[in-house]
């Protein structure tokens, strides 16, 4: 009932930038939280950044000052601007939303690969 479509991943050199997008569609009347997680090979999935109620933001310590999460409420879209990328940022990035009204629940995107390498 809710679909998430991610885009923007790819290969970038260290120090470069990428912008991820995640558009949500379906029975969505209100979204409580939107966020990005990542999973590197052999590691657990971890929170990268989240925006709650359209205002409050949380970031992993490892990305503070480099990544910025933002949200377009009219488009039900969340963005992750990633600057000063490091090889350790290499992972599959997953979008996550918590729908408060409509098809309530927690939903995941299909994942997009981000590779930081020279």
C-alpha atoms as a PDB file:
ATOM      1  CA  UNK A   1       0.000   0.000   0.000  1.00  0.00           C
ATOM      2  CA  UNK A   2       3.043   2.243   0.321  1.00  0.00           C
ATOM      3  CA  UNK A   3       5.880   2.259  -2.168  1.00  0.00           C
ATOM      4  CA  UNK A   4       9.299   3.856  -1.788  1.00  0.00           C
ATOM      5  CA  UNK A   5      11.500   4.617  -4.767  1.00  0.00           C
ATOM      6  CA  UNK A   6      15.106   5.517  -4.097  1.00  0.00           C
ATOM      7  CA  UNK A   7      17.590   7.136  -6.453  1.00  0.00           C
ATOM      8  CA  UNK A   8      20.925   8.889  -6.459  1.00  0.00           C
ATOM      9  CA  UNK A   9      23.444   6.260  -5.478  1.00  0.00           C
ATOM     10  CA  UNK A  10      26.617   5.540  -7.397  1.00  0.00           C
ATOM     11  CA  UNK A  11      30.390   5.623  -7.427  1.00  0.00           C
ATOM     12  CA  UNK A  12      32.188   8.706  -6.164  1.00  0.00           C
ATOM     13  CA  UNK A  13      35.749   9.570  -5.246  1.00  0.00           C
ATOM     14  CA  UNK A  14      36.713  10.359  -1.650  1.00  0.00           C
ATOM     15  CA  UNK A  15      35.803  13.935  -0.838  1.00  0.00           C
ATOM     16  CA  UNK A  16      33.007  13.941  -3.370  1.00  0.00           C
ATOM     17  CA  UNK A  17      29.280  14.416  -2.945  1.00  0.00           C
ATOM     18  CA  UNK A  18      26.084  12.539  -3.704  1.00  0.00           C
ATOM     19  CA  UNK A  19      22.425  13.273  -3.116  1.00  0.00           C
ATOM     20  CA  UNK A  20      20.001  10.465  -2.392  1.00  0.00           C
ATOM     21  CA  UNK A  21      16.255  10.807  -2.907  1.00  0.00           C
ATOM     22  CA  UNK A  22      13.386   8.658  -1.709  1.00  0.00           C
ATOM     23  CA  UNK A  23       9.844   9.281  -2.920  1.00  0.00           C
ATOM     24  CA  UNK A  24       6.941   7.677  -1.087  1.00  0.00           C
ATOM     25  CA  UNK A  25       3.542   6.999  -2.664  1.00  0.00           C
ATOM     26  CA  UNK A  26       0.340   5.216  -1.733  1.00  0.00           C
ATOM     27  CA  UNK A  27      -2.127   5.665   1.148  1.00  0.00           C
ATOM     28  CA  UNK A  28      -0.168   8.296   2.994  1.00  0.00           C
ATOM     29  CA  UNK A  29      -1.995  11.016   4.901  1.00  0.00           C
ATOM     30  CA  UNK A  30       0.629  11.760   7.501  1.00  0.00           C
ATOM     31  CA  UNK A  31       4.242  10.701   7.973  1.00  0.00           C
ATOM     32  CA  UNK A  32       5.736  10.651  11.439  1.00  0.00           C
ATOM     33  CA  UNK A  33       9.362  10.068  10.495  1.00  0.00           C
ATOM     34  CA  UNK A  34      11.573   9.588   7.461  1.00  0.00           C
ATOM     35  CA  UNK A  35      15.134   8.404   7.536  1.00  0.00           C
ATOM     36  CA  UNK A  36      18.112   6.768   5.934  1.00  0.00           C
ATOM     37  CA  UNK A  37      19.922   3.666   7.088  1.00  0.00           C
ATOM     38  CA  UNK A  38      22.947   1.937   5.634  1.00  0.00           C
ATOM     39  CA  UNK A  39      24.437  -1.514   5.672  1.00  0.00           C
ATOM     40  CA  UNK A  40      28.004  -2.291   4.755  1.00  0.00           C
ATOM     41  CA  UNK A  41      29.155  -5.846   3.942  1.00  0.00           C
ATOM     42  CA  UNK A  42      29.458  -7.918   7.095  1.00  0.00           C
ATOM     43  CA  UNK A  43      27.963  -5.204   9.282  1.00  0.00           C
ATOM     44  CA  UNK A  44      24.579  -4.530  10.802  1.00  0.00           C
ATOM     45  CA  UNK A  45      22.212  -1.976   9.347  1.00  0.00           C
ATOM     46  CA  UNK A  46      22.672   1.364  11.104  1.00  0.00           C
ATOM     47  CA  UNK A  47      20.810   4.642  11.261  1.00  0.00           C
ATOM     48  CA  UNK A  48      22.454   7.410   9.250  1.00  0.00           C
ATOM     49  CA  UNK A  49      19.965  10.238   9.638  1.00  0.00           C
ATOM     50  CA  UNK A  50      16.310  10.774  10.426  1.00  0.00           C
ATOM     51  CA  UNK A  51      13.849  13.634  10.358  1.00  0.00           C
ATOM     52  CA  UNK A  52      10.934  13.419  12.758  1.00  0.00           C
ATOM     53  CA  UNK A  53       7.642  15.274  12.451  1.00  0.00           C
ATOM     54  CA  UNK A  54       9.250  17.343   9.722  1.00  0.00           C
ATOM     55  CA  UNK A  55      11.450  19.209  12.180  1.00  0.00           C
ATOM     56  CA  UNK A  56      13.689  17.288  14.526  1.00  0.00           C
ATOM     57  CA  UNK A  57      16.748  15.646  12.990  1.00  0.00           C
ATOM     58  CA  UNK A  58      19.093  12.940  14.232  1.00  0.00           C
ATOM     59  CA  UNK A  59      22.448  11.995  12.757  1.00  0.00           C
ATOM     60  CA  UNK A  60      24.949   9.243  13.368  1.00  0.00           C
ATOM     61  CA  UNK A  61      28.101  10.677  14.909  1.00  0.00           C
ATOM     62  CA  UNK A  62      30.111   9.451  11.942  1.00  0.00           C
ATOM     63  CA  UNK A  63      28.219  11.667   9.483  1.00  0.00           C
ATOM     64  CA  UNK A  64      27.554  14.802  11.531  1.00  0.00           C
ATOM     65  CA  UNK A  65      28.745  17.892   9.709  1.00  0.00           C
ATOM     66  CA  UNK A  66      28.968  16.039   6.394  1.00  0.00           C
ATOM     67  CA  UNK A  67      25.445  14.748   5.688  1.00  0.00           C
ATOM     68  CA  UNK A  68      22.188  16.687   5.691  1.00  0.00           C
ATOM     69  CA  UNK A  69      18.717  15.186   5.700  1.00  0.00           C
ATOM     70  CA  UNK A  70      15.748  17.143   4.401  1.00  0.00           C
ATOM     71  CA  UNK A  71      12.147  16.502   3.511  1.00  0.00           C
ATOM     72  CA  UNK A  72       9.639  17.822   0.976  1.00  0.00           C
ATOM     73  CA  UNK A  73       6.250  17.309   2.587  1.00  0.00           C
ATOM     74  CA  UNK A  74       4.305  18.132  -0.562  1.00  0.00           C
ATOM     75  CA  UNK A  75       6.098  15.380  -2.458  1.00  0.00           C
ATOM     76  CA  UNK A  76       6.461  12.895   0.424  1.00  0.00           C
ATOM     77  CA  UNK A  77      10.130  12.818  -0.458  1.00  0.00           C
ATOM     78  CA  UNK A  78      13.191  12.662   1.742  1.00  0.00           C
ATOM     79  CA  UNK A  79      16.697  13.610   0.654  1.00  0.00           C
ATOM     80  CA  UNK A  80      20.152  12.886   1.969  1.00  0.00           C
ATOM     81  CA  UNK A  81      22.879  15.267   0.855  1.00  0.00           C
ATOM     82  CA  UNK A  82      26.222  13.588   1.422  1.00  0.00           C
ATOM     83  CA  UNK A  83      29.366  15.705   1.272  1.00  0.00           C
ATOM     84  CA  UNK A  84      33.026  14.966   2.008  1.00  0.00           C
ATOM     85  CA  UNK A  85      32.402  11.298   1.407  1.00  0.00           C
ATOM     86  CA  UNK A  86      34.835   8.765   2.804  1.00  0.00           C
ATOM     87  CA  UNK A  87      35.542   5.158   1.813  1.00  0.00           C
ATOM     88  CA  UNK A  88      33.926   4.054   5.074  1.00  0.00           C
ATOM     89  CA  UNK A  89      30.643   5.539   3.859  1.00  0.00           C
ATOM     90  CA  UNK A  90      30.472   2.768   1.274  1.00  0.00           C
ATOM     91  CA  UNK A  91      27.287   0.775   1.864  1.00  0.00           C
ATOM     92  CA  UNK A  92      23.804   0.079   0.613  1.00  0.00           C
ATOM     93  CA  UNK A  93      21.602   2.942   1.737  1.00  0.00           C
ATOM     94  CA  UNK A  94      17.968   2.275   2.606  1.00  0.00           C
ATOM     95  CA  UNK A  95      15.153   4.744   2.943  1.00  0.00           C
ATOM     96  CA  UNK A  96      12.686   4.217   5.778  1.00  0.00           C
ATOM     97  CA  UNK A  97       9.389   5.932   6.571  1.00  0.00           C
ATOM     98  CA  UNK A  98       6.925   5.591   9.408  1.00  0.00           C
ATOM     99  CA  UNK A  99       3.428   6.346   8.176  1.00  0.00           C
ATOM    100  CA  UNK A 100       1.210   7.709  10.933  1.00  0.00           C
ATOM    101  CA  UNK A 101      -2.099   8.032   9.024  1.00  0.00           C
ATOM    102  CA  UNK A 102      -3.217   6.027   6.018  1.00  0.00           C
ATOM    103  CA  UNK A 103      -1.486   2.738   5.428  1.00  0.00           C
ATOM    104  CA  UNK A 104       0.097   3.033   8.860  1.00  0.00           C
ATOM    105  CA  UNK A 105       3.333   1.258   9.524  1.00  0.00           C
ATOM    106  CA  UNK A 106       7.032   1.122   8.816  1.00  0.00           C
ATOM    107  CA  UNK A 107       8.256   0.830   5.229  1.00  0.00           C
ATOM    108  CA  UNK A 108      11.631   0.283   3.568  1.00  0.00           C
ATOM    109  CA  UNK A 109      13.014   1.178   0.177  1.00  0.00           C
ATOM    110  CA  UNK A 110      14.829  -1.311  -2.028  1.00  0.00           C
ATOM    111  CA  UNK A 111      18.247   0.130  -1.262  1.00  0.00           C
ATOM    112  CA  UNK A 112      20.756   2.040  -3.364  1.00  0.00           C
ATOM    113  CA  UNK A 113      24.478   1.354  -3.511  1.00  0.00           C
ATOM    114  CA  UNK A 114      26.925   4.093  -2.582  1.00  0.00           C
ATOM    115  CA  UNK A 115      30.581   3.347  -3.273  1.00  0.00           C
ATOM    116  CA  UNK A 116      33.328   5.757  -2.295  1.00  0.00           C
ATOM    117  CA  UNK A 117      36.585   4.809  -3.943  1.00  0.00           C
ATOM    118  CA  UNK A 118      39.439   6.280  -5.901  1.00  0.00           C
END
